[in-house]
N, C-alpha and C. Protein backbone atom coordinates (compact mmCIF):
# COMPACT_ATOMS: atom_id res chain seq x y z
N MET A 1 -14.62 -36.96 50.31
CA MET A 1 -14.15 -38.18 49.14
C MET A 1 -14.88 -39.15 48.65
N GLN A 2 -14.96 -39.57 50.19
CA GLN A 2 -15.73 -41.31 49.25
C GLN A 2 -17.18 -40.64 48.48
N GLU A 3 -17.94 -39.69 48.36
CA GLU A 3 -18.96 -39.15 47.49
C GLU A 3 -18.04 -38.64 45.66
N ILE A 4 -16.64 -38.28 46.24
CA ILE A 4 -16.11 -38.40 44.93
C ILE A 4 -15.58 -39.70 44.68
N TYR A 5 -15.10 -40.20 45.28
CA TYR A 5 -14.66 -41.43 44.30
C TYR A 5 -16.05 -43.00 43.82
N LYS A 6 -17.36 -42.34 44.63
CA LYS A 6 -18.02 -43.43 43.89
C LYS A 6 -18.73 -42.67 42.62
N GLU A 7 -18.41 -41.43 42.27
CA GLU A 7 -18.31 -40.59 41.32
C GLU A 7 -17.52 -40.90 40.36
N LEU A 8 -16.29 -41.39 40.67
CA LEU A 8 -15.28 -41.75 39.58
C LEU A 8 -15.80 -42.48 38.62
N LYS A 9 -16.59 -43.66 38.89
CA LYS A 9 -17.05 -44.95 38.13
C LYS A 9 -17.36 -44.48 37.12
N ASP A 10 -18.34 -43.13 37.40
CA ASP A 10 -18.21 -43.09 35.51
C ASP A 10 -18.32 -41.54 35.02
N THR A 11 -17.44 -41.26 35.20
CA THR A 11 -16.38 -40.35 35.09
C THR A 11 -15.30 -40.37 33.96
N GLN A 12 -15.86 -39.46 32.95
CA GLN A 12 -15.24 -39.43 31.63
C GLN A 12 -13.75 -38.50 31.70
N MET A 13 -14.05 -37.17 32.56
CA MET A 13 -12.84 -36.50 32.40
C MET A 13 -13.09 -35.28 33.85
N LEU A 14 -11.70 -34.99 34.23
CA LEU A 14 -11.42 -34.46 35.72
C LEU A 14 -10.64 -32.75 35.05
N VAL A 15 -11.79 -32.11 35.63
CA VAL A 15 -10.80 -30.39 35.36
C VAL A 15 -10.14 -30.41 36.79
N LEU A 16 -8.99 -29.67 36.85
CA LEU A 16 -8.39 -29.27 38.13
C LEU A 16 -8.30 -28.03 37.71
N ALA A 17 -8.45 -27.25 38.98
CA ALA A 17 -7.99 -25.74 38.84
C ALA A 17 -7.40 -25.00 40.62
N ALA A 18 -6.69 -24.59 40.54
CA ALA A 18 -5.65 -23.86 41.23
C ALA A 18 -5.32 -22.53 40.95
N PRO A 19 -4.99 -22.26 42.04
CA PRO A 19 -4.20 -20.83 42.66
C PRO A 19 -2.99 -20.89 42.41
N ILE A 20 -2.09 -20.58 42.37
CA ILE A 20 -0.89 -20.69 42.76
C ILE A 20 0.01 -20.02 43.35
N TYR A 21 0.29 -21.12 44.07
CA TYR A 21 1.47 -20.41 45.45
C TYR A 21 2.76 -20.34 45.33
N TYR A 22 3.71 -19.40 45.01
CA TYR A 22 4.90 -19.84 44.89
C TYR A 22 5.15 -21.18 43.95
N HIS A 23 5.16 -20.59 42.50
CA HIS A 23 5.44 -22.28 41.66
C HIS A 23 4.94 -22.94 41.55
N GLY A 24 4.03 -23.16 42.68
CA GLY A 24 3.11 -24.90 42.82
C GLY A 24 1.85 -24.28 42.93
N ILE A 25 1.07 -25.76 43.36
CA ILE A 25 -0.56 -25.41 42.98
C ILE A 25 -0.81 -25.72 44.75
N SER A 26 -2.03 -25.30 44.75
CA SER A 26 -2.18 -25.04 46.22
C SER A 26 -2.53 -26.43 47.06
N GLY A 27 -2.03 -26.17 48.56
CA GLY A 27 -1.82 -27.04 49.18
C GLY A 27 -3.24 -28.22 48.87
N GLN A 28 -4.06 -27.65 48.99
CA GLN A 28 -5.60 -28.18 48.66
C GLN A 28 -5.41 -28.74 48.06
N LEU A 29 -5.00 -28.35 46.89
CA LEU A 29 -5.60 -29.45 45.42
C LEU A 29 -4.09 -30.11 45.13
N LYS A 30 -3.38 -30.20 45.70
CA LYS A 30 -2.07 -31.39 46.24
C LYS A 30 -2.54 -32.19 46.82
N CYS A 31 -3.31 -31.82 48.12
CA CYS A 31 -4.28 -33.05 48.85
C CYS A 31 -4.62 -34.00 48.33
N VAL A 32 -6.51 -32.99 47.54
CA VAL A 32 -6.90 -33.71 46.32
C VAL A 32 -6.34 -34.74 45.45
N ILE A 33 -5.33 -34.35 44.77
CA ILE A 33 -4.33 -35.17 43.76
C ILE A 33 -3.65 -36.46 44.37
N ASP A 34 -3.13 -36.40 45.91
CA ASP A 34 -2.65 -37.48 46.49
C ASP A 34 -4.29 -38.46 46.97
N ARG A 35 -4.92 -37.56 47.21
CA ARG A 35 -6.48 -38.95 47.28
C ARG A 35 -6.78 -39.92 45.93
N PHE A 36 -6.48 -38.85 45.08
CA PHE A 36 -7.09 -39.53 43.88
C PHE A 36 -6.34 -40.71 43.44
N TYR A 37 -4.81 -40.58 43.93
CA TYR A 37 -3.93 -41.69 43.88
C TYR A 37 -4.36 -42.36 44.14
N SER A 38 -4.71 -43.10 45.59
CA SER A 38 -5.06 -43.95 46.12
C SER A 38 -6.53 -44.42 45.73
N ALA A 39 -7.29 -43.85 45.75
CA ALA A 39 -8.37 -44.09 44.46
C ALA A 39 -8.44 -44.60 43.43
N LEU A 40 -6.94 -44.06 42.74
CA LEU A 40 -7.44 -44.62 41.26
C LEU A 40 -6.50 -45.88 40.90
N TYR A 41 -5.81 -46.34 42.43
CA TYR A 41 -4.71 -47.34 42.08
C TYR A 41 -5.17 -48.78 42.12
N PRO A 42 -4.64 -49.92 41.12
CA PRO A 42 -3.27 -49.63 40.36
C PRO A 42 -4.39 -49.15 39.01
N THR A 43 -5.00 -48.58 38.48
CA THR A 43 -5.55 -48.43 37.64
C THR A 43 -6.69 -47.21 37.72
N ALA A 44 -6.97 -46.56 37.00
CA ALA A 44 -8.05 -44.84 36.86
C ALA A 44 -9.77 -46.04 36.32
N PRO A 45 -10.22 -45.57 36.43
CA PRO A 45 -11.92 -46.25 36.12
C PRO A 45 -11.53 -46.13 34.39
N LYS A 46 -12.36 -47.16 33.78
CA LYS A 46 -11.82 -47.44 32.53
C LYS A 46 -12.87 -45.99 31.83
N SER A 47 -13.93 -45.00 32.33
CA SER A 47 -14.43 -44.41 31.15
C SER A 47 -13.46 -43.14 32.08
N LEU A 48 -12.50 -43.09 32.83
CA LEU A 48 -12.00 -42.00 33.09
C LEU A 48 -10.74 -41.70 32.11
N LYS A 49 -10.48 -41.29 31.15
CA LYS A 49 -9.53 -40.52 29.83
C LYS A 49 -8.86 -39.22 29.74
N LYS A 50 -9.73 -38.27 30.25
CA LYS A 50 -9.22 -36.89 29.99
C LYS A 50 -8.84 -36.24 30.94
N THR A 51 -8.24 -35.19 31.39
CA THR A 51 -7.58 -34.35 32.86
C THR A 51 -7.97 -32.90 31.76
N ALA A 52 -7.90 -31.50 31.89
CA ALA A 52 -7.59 -30.22 32.10
C ALA A 52 -7.06 -29.55 32.88
N MET A 53 -6.72 -28.88 33.34
CA MET A 53 -6.38 -27.82 34.42
C MET A 53 -6.16 -26.63 34.32
N PHE A 54 -6.53 -25.56 34.62
CA PHE A 54 -6.60 -24.23 34.89
C PHE A 54 -6.26 -23.41 36.29
N LEU A 55 -5.18 -22.70 35.99
CA LEU A 55 -4.55 -21.93 36.60
C LEU A 55 -4.19 -20.73 37.06
N SER A 56 -4.39 -20.02 37.82
CA SER A 56 -4.10 -18.52 38.14
C SER A 56 -2.94 -18.22 39.63
N SER A 57 -2.55 -17.39 38.70
CA SER A 57 -1.04 -16.40 39.14
C SER A 57 -1.53 -14.88 39.47
N GLY A 58 -0.72 -14.48 39.78
CA GLY A 58 -0.49 -12.57 39.32
C GLY A 58 0.79 -12.25 38.84
N ASP A 59 1.72 -13.75 38.43
CA ASP A 59 2.63 -13.44 37.86
C ASP A 59 2.61 -14.15 36.83
N PRO A 60 2.86 -13.99 35.70
CA PRO A 60 2.90 -14.99 34.59
C PRO A 60 4.42 -15.95 34.33
N GLU A 61 5.47 -15.55 35.29
CA GLU A 61 6.76 -16.36 35.45
C GLU A 61 6.00 -17.64 36.42
N MET A 62 5.40 -17.89 36.83
CA MET A 62 5.29 -18.62 38.53
C MET A 62 4.67 -20.24 38.00
N TYR A 63 4.49 -20.61 36.83
CA TYR A 63 3.67 -21.65 36.08
C TYR A 63 4.34 -23.03 36.07
N ASP A 64 5.65 -22.88 36.34
CA ASP A 64 6.63 -24.31 35.86
C ASP A 64 6.08 -25.25 36.73
N GLY A 65 6.34 -25.16 37.85
CA GLY A 65 6.37 -26.19 38.90
C GLY A 65 5.22 -26.58 39.07
N ALA A 66 3.66 -25.83 38.89
CA ALA A 66 2.66 -26.12 38.84
C ALA A 66 2.24 -27.30 38.27
N LYS A 67 3.27 -26.63 36.17
CA LYS A 67 2.29 -27.88 35.32
C LYS A 67 3.71 -29.06 35.87
N PHE A 68 4.73 -28.80 35.91
CA PHE A 68 5.81 -30.24 35.69
C PHE A 68 4.92 -30.95 36.80
N SER A 69 4.43 -30.62 38.34
CA SER A 69 3.17 -31.61 38.72
C SER A 69 2.22 -32.35 38.08
N TYR A 70 1.55 -31.37 37.45
CA TYR A 70 -0.18 -32.02 36.53
C TYR A 70 0.77 -32.75 35.72
N GLU A 71 1.92 -32.43 34.86
CA GLU A 71 2.11 -33.83 33.49
C GLU A 71 2.99 -34.55 34.21
N GLY A 72 3.64 -34.60 35.25
CA GLY A 72 4.48 -35.58 35.33
C GLY A 72 3.78 -36.57 36.70
N ASP A 73 3.16 -36.01 37.70
CA ASP A 73 3.12 -36.37 38.50
C ASP A 73 1.55 -37.07 38.26
N PHE A 74 0.59 -36.17 38.00
CA PHE A 74 -0.72 -36.65 37.44
C PHE A 74 -1.03 -37.31 36.02
N LEU A 75 -0.86 -37.02 34.94
CA LEU A 75 -0.62 -37.43 34.31
C LEU A 75 0.10 -38.73 33.91
N GLY A 76 1.04 -38.09 34.13
CA GLY A 76 1.88 -39.78 33.87
C GLY A 76 1.63 -40.73 35.24
N TYR A 77 1.46 -40.91 36.29
CA TYR A 77 1.10 -41.21 36.90
C TYR A 77 0.15 -42.93 36.36
N LEU A 78 -1.06 -41.47 35.89
CA LEU A 78 -2.82 -41.86 35.70
C LEU A 78 -2.59 -42.32 34.45
N GLY A 79 -1.83 -42.06 33.81
CA GLY A 79 -2.08 -42.11 32.28
C GLY A 79 -3.21 -41.90 31.65
N LEU A 80 -3.32 -40.69 31.89
CA LEU A 80 -4.96 -39.98 31.51
C LEU A 80 -4.36 -38.89 30.21
N GLU A 81 -5.19 -38.58 29.51
CA GLU A 81 -4.71 -37.86 28.54
C GLU A 81 -5.07 -36.37 28.73
N GLY A 82 -3.83 -35.33 28.57
CA GLY A 82 -3.95 -34.24 28.80
C GLY A 82 -4.94 -33.17 27.67
N CYS A 83 -5.45 -32.77 28.02
CA CYS A 83 -6.37 -32.10 27.32
C CYS A 83 -6.43 -30.17 27.38
N GLY A 84 -4.87 -29.92 27.82
CA GLY A 84 -4.59 -28.82 28.03
C GLY A 84 -4.42 -27.79 29.51
N ILE A 85 -3.71 -27.20 29.67
CA ILE A 85 -3.38 -26.23 31.00
C ILE A 85 -3.61 -24.75 30.69
N PHE A 86 -4.54 -24.29 31.24
CA PHE A 86 -4.97 -22.85 30.79
C PHE A 86 -4.82 -22.04 32.05
N THR A 87 -3.77 -21.06 31.79
CA THR A 87 -3.65 -19.74 32.94
C THR A 87 -4.24 -18.78 32.39
N ASN A 88 -4.41 -18.01 33.25
CA ASN A 88 -5.52 -16.68 33.36
C ASN A 88 -4.49 -15.51 32.46
N HIS A 89 -2.74 -15.49 32.56
CA HIS A 89 -1.96 -15.26 31.50
C HIS A 89 -2.18 -15.67 29.84
N ASP A 90 -2.15 -16.52 29.57
CA ASP A 90 -2.50 -17.24 28.13
C ASP A 90 -3.05 -15.81 27.60
N ASN A 91 -2.10 -16.18 26.38
CA ASN A 91 -2.74 -15.10 25.14
C ASN A 91 -4.93 -16.05 25.24
N ASP A 92 -5.32 -15.08 24.54
CA ASP A 92 -6.61 -15.96 23.70
C ASP A 92 -6.94 -16.97 24.63
N VAL A 93 -6.55 -17.19 25.51
CA VAL A 93 -7.14 -18.38 26.94
C VAL A 93 -8.94 -18.32 26.44
N MET A 94 -9.47 -18.20 26.20
CA MET A 94 -10.92 -18.39 26.57
C MET A 94 -11.73 -19.07 25.18
N GLU A 95 -10.42 -18.66 23.83
CA GLU A 95 -10.70 -19.10 23.03
C GLU A 95 -10.17 -20.14 22.68
N ASN A 96 -9.02 -20.67 23.91
CA ASN A 96 -8.26 -21.74 23.90
C ASN A 96 -9.07 -23.26 24.77
N ILE A 97 -9.85 -22.72 25.21
CA ILE A 97 -10.52 -23.61 26.17
C ILE A 97 -11.98 -24.09 25.65
N ARG A 98 -11.80 -22.85 24.52
CA ARG A 98 -13.41 -23.25 23.67
C ARG A 98 -13.00 -24.24 23.07
N LYS A 99 -12.26 -24.25 22.60
CA LYS A 99 -11.43 -24.93 21.51
C LYS A 99 -11.64 -26.33 22.34
N MET A 100 -10.65 -26.47 23.22
CA MET A 100 -10.54 -27.81 24.18
C MET A 100 -12.14 -28.53 24.44
N ALA A 101 -13.17 -27.64 24.47
CA ALA A 101 -14.61 -27.97 24.84
C ALA A 101 -15.14 -28.34 23.45
N LEU A 102 -14.55 -27.48 22.51
CA LEU A 102 -15.39 -28.81 21.32
C LEU A 102 -14.76 -29.50 20.59
N SER A 103 -13.74 -30.02 21.08
CA SER A 103 -12.09 -30.95 21.20
C SER A 103 -13.05 -32.71 22.09
N LEU A 104 -13.88 -32.11 22.53
CA LEU A 104 -14.57 -32.90 23.47
C LEU A 104 -15.58 -34.16 22.60
């Protein structure tokens, strides 16, 4: 994480990705998010403005907990602009990712 902290000074966007385990993000990603809180407290670096999340699940009804954590705990706390949550069950997911990328 020490190397990642150094890179955050010049980072403009974070992209988070995780499989879903029983409605929530993986424990590994939860640990990373927890470490970001301390690294970015009391404010994120001025260059860091945006974030997006990619999620994968075998069940299309399993995303609510992960979306809640991302939107409330992560975006809300850090004050970042959310560029989307993309799942393997979204219609036209690849086209939506392309649109998001073009908007950057």
